[in-house]
Amino acid sequence: MTLDPLLREIRACTLCADALPHGPRPVLQASESSRILIAGQAPGRRVHESGVPFQDPSGDRLRDWLGISEADFYDPALIAIVPMGFCFPGTGSSGDKPPRKECAPAWRERVLDELSGVRLTIVLGAHAQRYHLPGTTSLTDAVARWRDFWPELLPLPHPSPRNQAWFKKHPWFIDEVLPVLKERVAQLTAARSD
């Protein structure tokens, strides 16, 4: 199966419609030529409303971390955005609920198999980390060991404003990891026509 029919199938998915408080609205972005894969959690409420991935404060911070413009970020030939859950799972007591468990088994491998152009996978947050880095003990440990996975994969904390305390507690992340990430993204952006 080529990617376009698969993306249409995913965008029409109603697999867990009864469990979604706001109904299904799968949000993702991908192309066979995507150079960078952003593996996140699930869309938030604002993204559910707009249908545009990372069109929220987390996206603003993520684009800053990557050092790219909105135009580049929303270019599927450069960036694939494939969260663990494609629909907004609703709000819990301390933020958004985890991604629905039905989504990844139904779709994830099928999408990833079509992304042959990916040269860097950015793993955002603990939910994506458990899938892409099984056996890592904690998000902080995985991010601290980022060199073990580099340059094919990079675990990052979620760029949510709710994680401000984590960023303040771990200043090495901004000083050590982000400059290397920006340099790699610039290389992949420049090389996308290769």
N, C-alpha and C. Protein backbone atom coordinates (compact mmCIF):
# COMPACT_ATOMS: atom_id res chain seq x y z
N MET A 1 0.85 -1.18 0.00
CA MET A 1 0.00 0.00 0.00
C MET A 1 0.89 1.24 0.00
N THR A 2 0.57 2.21 -0.80
CA THR A 2 1.31 3.46 -0.77
C THR A 2 0.77 4.33 0.36
N LEU A 3 1.50 5.36 0.68
CA LEU A 3 1.17 6.16 1.86
C LEU A 3 -0.12 6.95 1.71
N ASP A 4 -0.38 7.56 0.57
CA ASP A 4 -1.57 8.41 0.44
C ASP A 4 -2.87 7.66 0.75
N PRO A 5 -3.11 6.47 0.19
CA PRO A 5 -4.33 5.74 0.57
C PRO A 5 -4.36 5.38 2.06
N LEU A 6 -3.20 5.07 2.62
CA LEU A 6 -3.15 4.75 4.05
C LEU A 6 -3.51 5.98 4.88
N LEU A 7 -2.99 7.15 4.51
CA LEU A 7 -3.33 8.37 5.25
C LEU A 7 -4.82 8.67 5.15
N ARG A 8 -5.42 8.45 3.99
CA ARG A 8 -6.87 8.65 3.85
C ARG A 8 -7.64 7.69 4.76
N GLU A 9 -7.17 6.45 4.82
CA GLU A 9 -7.82 5.45 5.67
C GLU A 9 -7.72 5.85 7.15
N ILE A 10 -6.54 6.32 7.55
CA ILE A 10 -6.35 6.75 8.94
C ILE A 10 -7.24 7.95 9.26
N ARG A 11 -7.28 8.91 8.36
CA ARG A 11 -8.08 10.13 8.61
C ARG A 11 -9.58 9.83 8.68
N ALA A 12 -9.99 8.70 8.16
CA ALA A 12 -11.39 8.29 8.24
C ALA A 12 -11.65 7.31 9.39
N CYS A 13 -10.64 7.03 10.19
CA CYS A 13 -10.74 6.03 11.26
C CYS A 13 -11.77 6.44 12.32
N THR A 14 -12.54 5.44 12.75
CA THR A 14 -13.49 5.62 13.85
C THR A 14 -13.33 4.48 14.87
N LEU A 15 -12.15 3.88 14.89
CA LEU A 15 -11.87 2.70 15.71
C LEU A 15 -12.29 2.86 17.17
N CYS A 16 -11.99 4.00 17.76
CA CYS A 16 -12.32 4.19 19.17
C CYS A 16 -13.25 5.39 19.36
N ALA A 17 -14.11 5.64 18.38
CA ALA A 17 -15.00 6.81 18.40
C ALA A 17 -15.85 6.87 19.67
N ASP A 18 -16.32 5.72 20.15
CA ASP A 18 -17.17 5.70 21.34
C ASP A 18 -16.42 6.11 22.61
N ALA A 19 -15.10 5.98 22.59
CA ALA A 19 -14.29 6.29 23.77
C ALA A 19 -13.72 7.72 23.75
N LEU A 20 -13.89 8.43 22.66
CA LEU A 20 -13.32 9.77 22.53
C LEU A 20 -14.37 10.82 22.90
N PRO A 21 -14.13 11.61 23.94
CA PRO A 21 -15.14 12.55 24.39
C PRO A 21 -15.48 13.64 23.37
N HIS A 22 -14.58 13.91 22.45
CA HIS A 22 -14.82 14.95 21.43
C HIS A 22 -14.96 14.35 20.03
N GLY A 23 -15.06 13.03 19.96
CA GLY A 23 -15.19 12.36 18.67
C GLY A 23 -13.86 12.19 17.98
N PRO A 24 -13.82 11.38 16.93
CA PRO A 24 -12.56 11.16 16.21
C PRO A 24 -12.22 12.32 15.28
N ARG A 25 -10.97 12.66 15.24
CA ARG A 25 -10.41 13.59 14.26
C ARG A 25 -8.92 13.28 14.17
N PRO A 26 -8.55 12.22 13.46
CA PRO A 26 -7.14 11.86 13.36
C PRO A 26 -6.31 12.98 12.73
N VAL A 27 -5.20 13.31 13.40
CA VAL A 27 -4.32 14.39 12.94
C VAL A 27 -2.92 13.82 12.79
N LEU A 28 -2.38 13.89 11.58
CA LEU A 28 -1.01 13.48 11.31
C LEU A 28 -0.57 14.10 9.99
N GLN A 29 0.72 13.99 9.72
CA GLN A 29 1.31 14.54 8.50
C GLN A 29 2.45 13.63 8.10
N ALA A 30 2.53 13.26 6.83
CA ALA A 30 3.62 12.38 6.41
C ALA A 30 3.72 12.33 4.89
N SER A 31 4.91 11.99 4.43
CA SER A 31 5.20 11.76 3.02
C SER A 31 6.28 10.69 2.95
N GLU A 32 6.28 9.93 1.85
CA GLU A 32 7.34 8.93 1.69
C GLU A 32 8.72 9.57 1.74
N SER A 33 8.82 10.86 1.40
CA SER A 33 10.11 11.54 1.37
C SER A 33 10.43 12.30 2.65
N SER A 34 9.57 12.22 3.68
CA SER A 34 9.84 12.92 4.94
C SER A 34 11.22 12.56 5.45
N ARG A 35 12.00 13.57 5.83
CA ARG A 35 13.36 13.36 6.34
C ARG A 35 13.41 13.21 7.85
N ILE A 36 12.45 13.88 8.54
CA ILE A 36 12.42 13.89 10.00
C ILE A 36 11.05 13.37 10.44
N LEU A 37 11.05 12.44 11.38
CA LEU A 37 9.83 11.93 11.97
C LEU A 37 9.70 12.47 13.38
N ILE A 38 8.59 13.12 13.66
CA ILE A 38 8.27 13.55 15.02
C ILE A 38 7.25 12.57 15.56
N ALA A 39 7.69 11.79 16.54
CA ALA A 39 6.83 10.79 17.18
C ALA A 39 6.40 11.37 18.52
N GLY A 40 5.17 11.86 18.58
CA GLY A 40 4.66 12.48 19.80
C GLY A 40 3.65 11.61 20.50
N GLN A 41 2.80 12.26 21.29
CA GLN A 41 1.81 11.55 22.11
C GLN A 41 0.48 11.45 21.38
N ALA A 42 -0.28 12.53 21.41
CA ALA A 42 -1.59 12.61 20.77
C ALA A 42 -1.94 14.08 20.64
N PRO A 43 -2.79 14.44 19.70
CA PRO A 43 -3.17 15.84 19.58
C PRO A 43 -3.85 16.36 20.84
N GLY A 44 -3.63 17.62 21.13
CA GLY A 44 -4.33 18.28 22.22
C GLY A 44 -5.64 18.87 21.74
N ARG A 45 -6.34 19.54 22.64
CA ARG A 45 -7.65 20.11 22.31
C ARG A 45 -7.57 21.11 21.18
N ARG A 46 -6.58 22.02 21.21
CA ARG A 46 -6.46 23.03 20.15
C ARG A 46 -6.19 22.38 18.79
N VAL A 47 -5.34 21.37 18.79
CA VAL A 47 -5.03 20.68 17.53
C VAL A 47 -6.26 19.92 17.05
N HIS A 48 -7.01 19.34 17.96
CA HIS A 48 -8.26 18.66 17.58
C HIS A 48 -9.20 19.66 16.88
N GLU A 49 -9.28 20.86 17.42
CA GLU A 49 -10.18 21.87 16.84
C GLU A 49 -9.70 22.34 15.47
N SER A 50 -8.39 22.53 15.32
CA SER A 50 -7.86 23.07 14.05
C SER A 50 -7.58 21.99 13.01
N GLY A 51 -7.25 20.78 13.47
CA GLY A 51 -6.86 19.72 12.56
C GLY A 51 -5.43 19.86 12.06
N VAL A 52 -4.66 20.79 12.65
CA VAL A 52 -3.28 21.05 12.24
C VAL A 52 -2.36 20.61 13.37
N PRO A 53 -1.43 19.67 13.13
CA PRO A 53 -0.57 19.18 14.21
C PRO A 53 0.32 20.28 14.80
N PHE A 54 0.44 20.26 16.11
CA PHE A 54 1.31 21.18 16.84
C PHE A 54 0.98 22.65 16.55
N GLN A 55 -0.27 22.95 16.32
CA GLN A 55 -0.68 24.35 16.18
C GLN A 55 -1.14 24.84 17.55
N ASP A 56 -0.15 24.94 18.45
CA ASP A 56 -0.40 25.30 19.84
C ASP A 56 0.93 25.74 20.46
N PRO A 57 0.96 26.14 21.73
CA PRO A 57 2.22 26.56 22.35
C PRO A 57 3.30 25.48 22.33
N SER A 58 2.92 24.21 22.43
CA SER A 58 3.92 23.13 22.33
C SER A 58 4.59 23.16 20.96
N GLY A 59 3.81 23.40 19.93
CA GLY A 59 4.36 23.49 18.58
C GLY A 59 5.28 24.67 18.41
N ASP A 60 4.93 25.80 19.02
CA ASP A 60 5.82 26.98 18.95
C ASP A 60 7.18 26.65 19.55
N ARG A 61 7.16 26.00 20.72
CA ARG A 61 8.42 25.63 21.38
C ARG A 61 9.18 24.59 20.54
N LEU A 62 8.47 23.61 20.00
CA LEU A 62 9.12 22.57 19.20
C LEU A 62 9.78 23.16 17.96
N ARG A 63 9.10 24.06 17.28
CA ARG A 63 9.71 24.69 16.09
C ARG A 63 10.95 25.49 16.48
N ASP A 64 10.91 26.12 17.66
CA ASP A 64 12.09 26.83 18.15
C ASP A 64 13.23 25.85 18.43
N TRP A 65 12.92 24.72 19.07
CA TRP A 65 13.94 23.70 19.32
C TRP A 65 14.57 23.21 18.02
N LEU A 66 13.75 23.05 16.98
CA LEU A 66 14.25 22.55 15.70
C LEU A 66 14.96 23.64 14.90
N GLY A 67 14.65 24.89 15.20
CA GLY A 67 15.25 26.01 14.47
C GLY A 67 14.69 26.14 13.06
N ILE A 68 13.39 25.84 12.88
CA ILE A 68 12.80 25.92 11.54
C ILE A 68 11.55 26.78 11.53
N SER A 69 11.19 27.21 10.36
CA SER A 69 10.00 28.03 10.16
C SER A 69 8.75 27.16 10.16
N GLU A 70 7.59 27.81 10.28
CA GLU A 70 6.33 27.08 10.16
C GLU A 70 6.21 26.43 8.79
N ALA A 71 6.65 27.15 7.75
CA ALA A 71 6.56 26.60 6.39
C ALA A 71 7.33 25.28 6.28
N ASP A 72 8.54 25.24 6.81
CA ASP A 72 9.31 23.99 6.78
C ASP A 72 8.68 22.93 7.68
N PHE A 73 8.20 23.34 8.84
CA PHE A 73 7.61 22.39 9.78
C PHE A 73 6.40 21.69 9.17
N TYR A 74 5.61 22.44 8.41
CA TYR A 74 4.39 21.86 7.82
C TYR A 74 4.60 21.36 6.40
N ASP A 75 5.85 21.16 6.02
CA ASP A 75 6.16 20.57 4.72
C ASP A 75 6.37 19.07 4.93
N PRO A 76 5.41 18.23 4.50
CA PRO A 76 5.55 16.79 4.74
C PRO A 76 6.76 16.17 4.04
N ALA A 77 7.31 16.84 3.03
CA ALA A 77 8.53 16.32 2.40
C ALA A 77 9.71 16.42 3.36
N LEU A 78 9.60 17.27 4.37
CA LEU A 78 10.66 17.40 5.37
C LEU A 78 10.25 16.73 6.69
N ILE A 79 9.05 17.01 7.17
CA ILE A 79 8.63 16.58 8.50
C ILE A 79 7.41 15.66 8.42
N ALA A 80 7.54 14.48 9.02
CA ALA A 80 6.39 13.61 9.26
C ALA A 80 6.03 13.76 10.74
N ILE A 81 4.75 13.94 11.01
CA ILE A 81 4.27 14.05 12.39
C ILE A 81 3.30 12.89 12.60
N VAL A 82 3.78 11.89 13.35
CA VAL A 82 3.02 10.66 13.54
C VAL A 82 2.96 10.36 15.04
N PRO A 83 1.92 10.87 15.72
CA PRO A 83 1.82 10.63 17.16
C PRO A 83 1.43 9.19 17.48
N MET A 84 1.54 8.84 18.74
CA MET A 84 1.16 7.50 19.18
C MET A 84 -0.35 7.28 19.08
N GLY A 85 -1.09 8.33 19.27
CA GLY A 85 -2.54 8.32 19.07
C GLY A 85 -2.89 9.48 18.16
N PHE A 86 -3.75 9.26 17.18
CA PHE A 86 -4.02 10.29 16.19
C PHE A 86 -5.14 11.24 16.58
N CYS A 87 -5.92 10.89 17.61
CA CYS A 87 -7.06 11.71 18.02
C CYS A 87 -6.85 12.24 19.44
N PHE A 88 -7.47 13.38 19.72
CA PHE A 88 -7.44 13.97 21.06
C PHE A 88 -8.15 13.03 22.03
N PRO A 89 -7.43 12.54 23.06
CA PRO A 89 -8.03 11.56 23.96
C PRO A 89 -8.89 12.17 25.07
N GLY A 90 -8.93 13.49 25.16
CA GLY A 90 -9.67 14.15 26.23
C GLY A 90 -8.74 14.62 27.33
N THR A 91 -9.32 15.32 28.28
CA THR A 91 -8.54 15.91 29.36
C THR A 91 -8.72 15.10 30.64
N GLY A 92 -7.60 14.88 31.32
CA GLY A 92 -7.63 14.18 32.61
C GLY A 92 -7.40 15.15 33.74
N SER A 93 -7.07 14.63 34.91
CA SER A 93 -6.89 15.47 36.10
C SER A 93 -5.63 16.32 36.06
N SER A 94 -4.62 15.87 35.32
CA SER A 94 -3.36 16.64 35.29
C SER A 94 -2.90 16.89 33.85
N GLY A 95 -3.83 17.18 32.98
CA GLY A 95 -3.50 17.43 31.57
C GLY A 95 -4.25 16.48 30.68
N ASP A 96 -3.80 16.37 29.44
CA ASP A 96 -4.47 15.48 28.49
C ASP A 96 -4.29 14.02 28.91
N LYS A 97 -5.29 13.23 28.60
CA LYS A 97 -5.21 11.80 28.86
C LYS A 97 -4.17 11.17 27.94
N PRO A 98 -3.69 9.97 28.27
CA PRO A 98 -2.74 9.28 27.40
C PRO A 98 -3.37 8.95 26.05
N PRO A 99 -2.55 8.71 25.02
CA PRO A 99 -3.09 8.29 23.73
C PRO A 99 -3.91 7.01 23.90
N ARG A 100 -4.94 6.87 23.07
CA ARG A 100 -5.75 5.66 23.10
C ARG A 100 -4.87 4.46 22.71
N LYS A 101 -5.06 3.36 23.39
CA LYS A 101 -4.23 2.16 23.16
C LYS A 101 -4.53 1.45 21.85
N GLU A 102 -5.69 1.72 21.25
CA GLU A 102 -6.07 1.05 20.01
C GLU A 102 -5.29 1.58 18.80
N CYS A 103 -4.84 2.79 18.87
CA CYS A 103 -4.31 3.48 17.70
C CYS A 103 -2.98 2.90 17.20
N ALA A 104 -2.00 2.85 18.06
CA ALA A 104 -0.67 2.40 17.62
C ALA A 104 -0.68 0.99 17.03
N PRO A 105 -1.33 0.00 17.67
CA PRO A 105 -1.34 -1.34 17.06
C PRO A 105 -2.04 -1.37 15.70
N ALA A 106 -3.04 -0.55 15.53
CA ALA A 106 -3.79 -0.56 14.27
C ALA A 106 -3.04 0.11 13.14
N TRP A 107 -2.26 1.15 13.44
CA TRP A 107 -1.74 1.99 12.36
C TRP A 107 -0.23 2.21 12.36
N ARG A 108 0.42 2.21 13.51
CA ARG A 108 1.78 2.74 13.60
C ARG A 108 2.78 2.05 12.65
N GLU A 109 2.90 0.76 12.73
CA GLU A 109 3.87 0.06 11.88
C GLU A 109 3.58 0.26 10.40
N ARG A 110 2.31 0.29 10.06
CA ARG A 110 1.94 0.49 8.65
C ARG A 110 2.43 1.84 8.14
N VAL A 111 2.28 2.88 8.96
CA VAL A 111 2.76 4.21 8.56
C VAL A 111 4.29 4.23 8.54
N LEU A 112 4.92 3.77 9.59
CA LEU A 112 6.39 3.82 9.67
C LEU A 112 7.04 3.05 8.53
N ASP A 113 6.43 1.95 8.11
CA ASP A 113 6.98 1.17 7.00
C ASP A 113 7.02 1.96 5.69
N GLU A 114 6.17 2.96 5.56
CA GLU A 114 6.12 3.78 4.34
C GLU A 114 7.07 4.97 4.37
N LEU A 115 7.69 5.25 5.53
CA LEU A 115 8.53 6.44 5.68
C LEU A 115 10.00 6.11 5.45
N SER A 116 10.32 5.72 4.23
CA SER A 116 11.68 5.28 3.91
C SER A 116 12.69 6.42 3.85
N GLY A 117 12.23 7.66 3.79
CA GLY A 117 13.15 8.80 3.71
C GLY A 117 13.61 9.34 5.05
N VAL A 118 13.07 8.82 6.15
CA VAL A 118 13.38 9.37 7.48
C VAL A 118 14.83 9.12 7.86
N ARG A 119 15.50 10.19 8.27
CA ARG A 119 16.90 10.12 8.70
C ARG A 119 17.07 10.45 10.18
N LEU A 120 16.03 11.06 10.78
CA LEU A 120 16.05 11.40 12.20
C LEU A 120 14.65 11.23 12.76
N THR A 121 14.55 10.47 13.84
CA THR A 121 13.28 10.32 14.56
C THR A 121 13.40 11.04 15.88
N ILE A 122 12.50 11.98 16.10
CA ILE A 122 12.46 12.74 17.34
C ILE A 122 11.33 12.15 18.18
N VAL A 123 11.69 11.62 19.34
CA VAL A 123 10.74 10.93 20.21
C VAL A 123 10.36 11.88 21.34
N LEU A 124 9.12 12.38 21.29
CA LEU A 124 8.65 13.38 22.26
C LEU A 124 7.83 12.73 23.37
N GLY A 125 8.32 12.80 24.56
CA GLY A 125 7.55 12.38 25.72
C GLY A 125 7.60 10.90 26.01
N ALA A 126 7.07 10.56 27.17
CA ALA A 126 7.18 9.19 27.69
C ALA A 126 6.39 8.17 26.89
N HIS A 127 5.22 8.54 26.39
CA HIS A 127 4.41 7.56 25.64
C HIS A 127 5.12 7.11 24.37
N ALA A 128 5.67 8.04 23.64
CA ALA A 128 6.42 7.70 22.43
C ALA A 128 7.72 6.99 22.78
N GLN A 129 8.32 7.38 23.88
CA GLN A 129 9.58 6.76 24.30
C GLN A 129 9.38 5.28 24.61
N ARG A 130 8.29 4.94 25.26
CA ARG A 130 8.04 3.52 25.58
C ARG A 130 7.94 2.68 24.31
N TYR A 131 7.43 3.25 23.24
CA TYR A 131 7.30 2.52 21.99
C TYR A 131 8.63 2.45 21.24
N HIS A 132 9.28 3.60 21.08
CA HIS A 132 10.49 3.69 20.26
C HIS A 132 11.76 3.29 21.00
N LEU A 133 11.75 3.37 22.32
CA LEU A 133 12.93 3.04 23.12
C LEU A 133 12.54 2.11 24.27
N PRO A 134 12.04 0.92 23.96
CA PRO A 134 11.63 0.02 25.04
C PRO A 134 12.83 -0.31 25.92
N GLY A 135 12.58 -0.39 27.20
CA GLY A 135 13.65 -0.73 28.13
C GLY A 135 14.32 0.47 28.76
N THR A 136 14.07 1.68 28.26
CA THR A 136 14.63 2.86 28.93
C THR A 136 13.87 3.05 30.24
N THR A 137 14.57 3.51 31.25
CA THR A 137 13.99 3.54 32.60
C THR A 137 13.12 4.76 32.86
N SER A 138 13.47 5.89 32.31
CA SER A 138 12.68 7.10 32.52
C SER A 138 12.94 8.07 31.37
N LEU A 139 12.04 9.01 31.23
CA LEU A 139 12.22 10.01 30.19
C LEU A 139 13.52 10.78 30.41
N THR A 140 13.77 11.20 31.64
CA THR A 140 14.98 11.98 31.94
C THR A 140 16.23 11.16 31.64
N ASP A 141 16.22 9.89 32.00
CA ASP A 141 17.37 9.03 31.71
C ASP A 141 17.59 8.91 30.21
N ALA A 142 16.52 8.71 29.46
CA ALA A 142 16.66 8.58 28.00
C ALA A 142 17.19 9.87 27.39
N VAL A 143 16.67 11.01 27.81
CA VAL A 143 17.13 12.29 27.26
C VAL A 143 18.59 12.52 27.66
N ALA A 144 18.97 12.18 28.88
CA ALA A 144 20.36 12.34 29.32
C ALA A 144 21.31 11.45 28.52
N ARG A 145 20.80 10.31 28.04
CA ARG A 145 21.61 9.38 27.25
C ARG A 145 21.42 9.59 25.74
N TRP A 146 21.03 10.76 25.33
CA TRP A 146 20.68 11.03 23.94
C TRP A 146 21.78 10.62 22.97
N ARG A 147 23.05 10.72 23.38
CA ARG A 147 24.16 10.36 22.48
C ARG A 147 24.15 8.87 22.11
N ASP A 148 23.54 8.04 22.97
CA ASP A 148 23.46 6.59 22.69
C ASP A 148 22.59 6.30 21.47
N PHE A 149 21.68 7.20 21.14
CA PHE A 149 20.72 6.98 20.06
C PHE A 149 21.01 7.84 18.83
N TRP A 150 21.85 8.81 19.00
CA TRP A 150 22.16 9.81 17.98
C TRP A 150 23.01 9.20 16.88
N PRO A 151 22.89 9.56 15.61
CA PRO A 151 22.08 10.64 15.03
C PRO A 151 20.76 10.16 14.42
N GLU A 152 20.39 8.89 14.59
CA GLU A 152 19.16 8.39 13.98
C GLU A 152 17.92 8.71 14.81
N LEU A 153 18.08 8.81 16.11
CA LEU A 153 16.94 8.97 17.00
C LEU A 153 17.33 9.91 18.14
N LEU A 154 16.38 10.73 18.57
CA LEU A 154 16.64 11.66 19.67
C LEU A 154 15.43 11.72 20.60
N PRO A 155 15.58 11.22 21.84
CA PRO A 155 14.49 11.36 22.81
C PRO A 155 14.49 12.77 23.40
N LEU A 156 13.31 13.37 23.46
CA LEU A 156 13.16 14.71 24.02
C LEU A 156 11.98 14.73 24.98
N PRO A 157 12.00 15.64 25.94
CA PRO A 157 10.78 15.83 26.73
C PRO A 157 9.71 16.43 25.83
N HIS A 158 8.47 16.30 26.22
CA HIS A 158 7.42 16.95 25.44
C HIS A 158 7.58 18.46 25.59
N PRO A 159 7.40 19.22 24.51
CA PRO A 159 7.62 20.67 24.60
C PRO A 159 6.47 21.44 25.25
N SER A 160 5.58 20.76 25.92
CA SER A 160 4.43 21.39 26.56
C SER A 160 4.84 22.43 27.59
N PRO A 161 4.09 23.53 27.68
CA PRO A 161 4.35 24.50 28.76
C PRO A 161 4.23 23.86 30.15
N ARG A 162 3.50 22.75 30.26
CA ARG A 162 3.38 22.06 31.55
C ARG A 162 4.72 21.49 32.03
N ASN A 163 5.70 21.38 31.14
CA ASN A 163 7.00 20.81 31.49
C ASN A 163 8.04 21.86 31.85
N GLN A 164 7.60 23.08 32.11
CA GLN A 164 8.53 24.17 32.43
C GLN A 164 9.46 23.81 33.59
N ALA A 165 8.95 23.15 34.60
CA ALA A 165 9.79 22.76 35.75
C ALA A 165 10.89 21.80 35.31
N TRP A 166 10.58 20.88 34.39
CA TRP A 166 11.60 19.94 33.90
C TRP A 166 12.71 20.71 33.20
N PHE A 167 12.36 21.67 32.35
CA PHE A 167 13.36 22.44 31.61
C PHE A 167 14.26 23.21 32.57
N LYS A 168 13.69 23.79 33.61
CA LYS A 168 14.49 24.55 34.59
C LYS A 168 15.40 23.63 35.39
N LYS A 169 14.93 22.43 35.69
CA LYS A 169 15.71 21.48 36.50
C LYS A 169 16.85 20.85 35.70
N HIS A 170 16.75 20.86 34.36
CA HIS A 170 17.74 20.20 33.50
C HIS A 170 18.28 21.19 32.45
N PRO A 171 19.02 22.22 32.88
CA PRO A 171 19.50 23.22 31.93
C PRO A 171 20.46 22.65 30.88
N TRP A 172 21.09 21.53 31.17
CA TRP A 172 21.98 20.89 30.19
C TRP A 172 21.25 20.54 28.91
N PHE A 173 19.94 20.29 29.01
CA PHE A 173 19.16 19.96 27.82
C PHE A 173 19.21 21.10 26.81
N ILE A 174 19.00 22.30 27.27
CA ILE A 174 19.01 23.46 26.37
C ILE A 174 20.42 23.75 25.89
N ASP A 175 21.40 23.61 26.77
CA ASP A 175 22.79 23.95 26.43
C ASP A 175 23.46 22.90 25.55
N GLU A 176 23.18 21.61 25.79
CA GLU A 176 23.89 20.54 25.09
C GLU A 176 23.11 19.93 23.92
N VAL A 177 21.83 19.66 24.15
CA VAL A 177 21.06 18.90 23.17
C VAL A 177 20.53 19.78 22.04
N LEU A 178 19.92 20.90 22.38
CA LEU A 178 19.26 21.71 21.35
C LEU A 178 20.19 22.24 20.27
N PRO A 179 21.42 22.70 20.59
CA PRO A 179 22.29 23.14 19.49
C PRO A 179 22.61 22.02 18.49
N VAL A 180 22.81 20.80 18.98
CA VAL A 180 23.11 19.66 18.12
C VAL A 180 21.88 19.32 17.27
N LEU A 181 20.71 19.36 17.90
CA LEU A 181 19.47 19.11 17.17
C LEU A 181 19.28 20.13 16.05
N LYS A 182 19.45 21.40 16.35
CA LYS A 182 19.26 22.44 15.33
C LYS A 182 20.23 22.25 14.17
N GLU A 183 21.45 21.88 14.47
CA GLU A 183 22.44 21.66 13.41
C GLU A 183 22.03 20.49 12.51
N ARG A 184 21.56 19.41 13.12
CA ARG A 184 21.14 18.23 12.33
C ARG A 184 19.91 18.55 11.48
N VAL A 185 18.96 19.29 12.05
CA VAL A 185 17.76 19.66 11.30
C VAL A 185 18.14 20.56 10.13
N ALA A 186 19.07 21.48 10.35
CA ALA A 186 19.53 22.35 9.25
C ALA A 186 20.16 21.53 8.14
N GLN A 187 20.94 20.51 8.49
CA GLN A 187 21.54 19.63 7.48
C GLN A 187 20.46 18.89 6.69
N LEU A 188 19.47 18.35 7.38
CA LEU A 188 18.42 17.59 6.71
C LEU A 188 17.51 18.50 5.89
N THR A 189 17.32 19.72 6.34
CA THR A 189 16.53 20.69 5.56
C THR A 189 17.25 21.04 4.27
N ALA A 190 18.55 21.27 4.37
CA ALA A 190 19.34 21.60 3.18
C ALA A 190 19.44 20.43 2.22
N ALA A 191 19.43 19.21 2.75
CA ALA A 191 19.62 18.01 1.92
C ALA A 191 18.32 17.42 1.39
N ARG A 192 17.18 18.03 1.68
CA ARG A 192 15.90 17.40 1.28
C ARG A 192 15.74 17.27 -0.21
N SER A 193 16.46 18.07 -0.98
CA SER A 193 16.34 17.96 -2.45
C SER A 193 17.28 16.91 -3.02
N ASP A 194 18.12 16.31 -2.15
CA ASP A 194 19.06 15.27 -2.62
C ASP A 194 18.34 14.00 -3.01
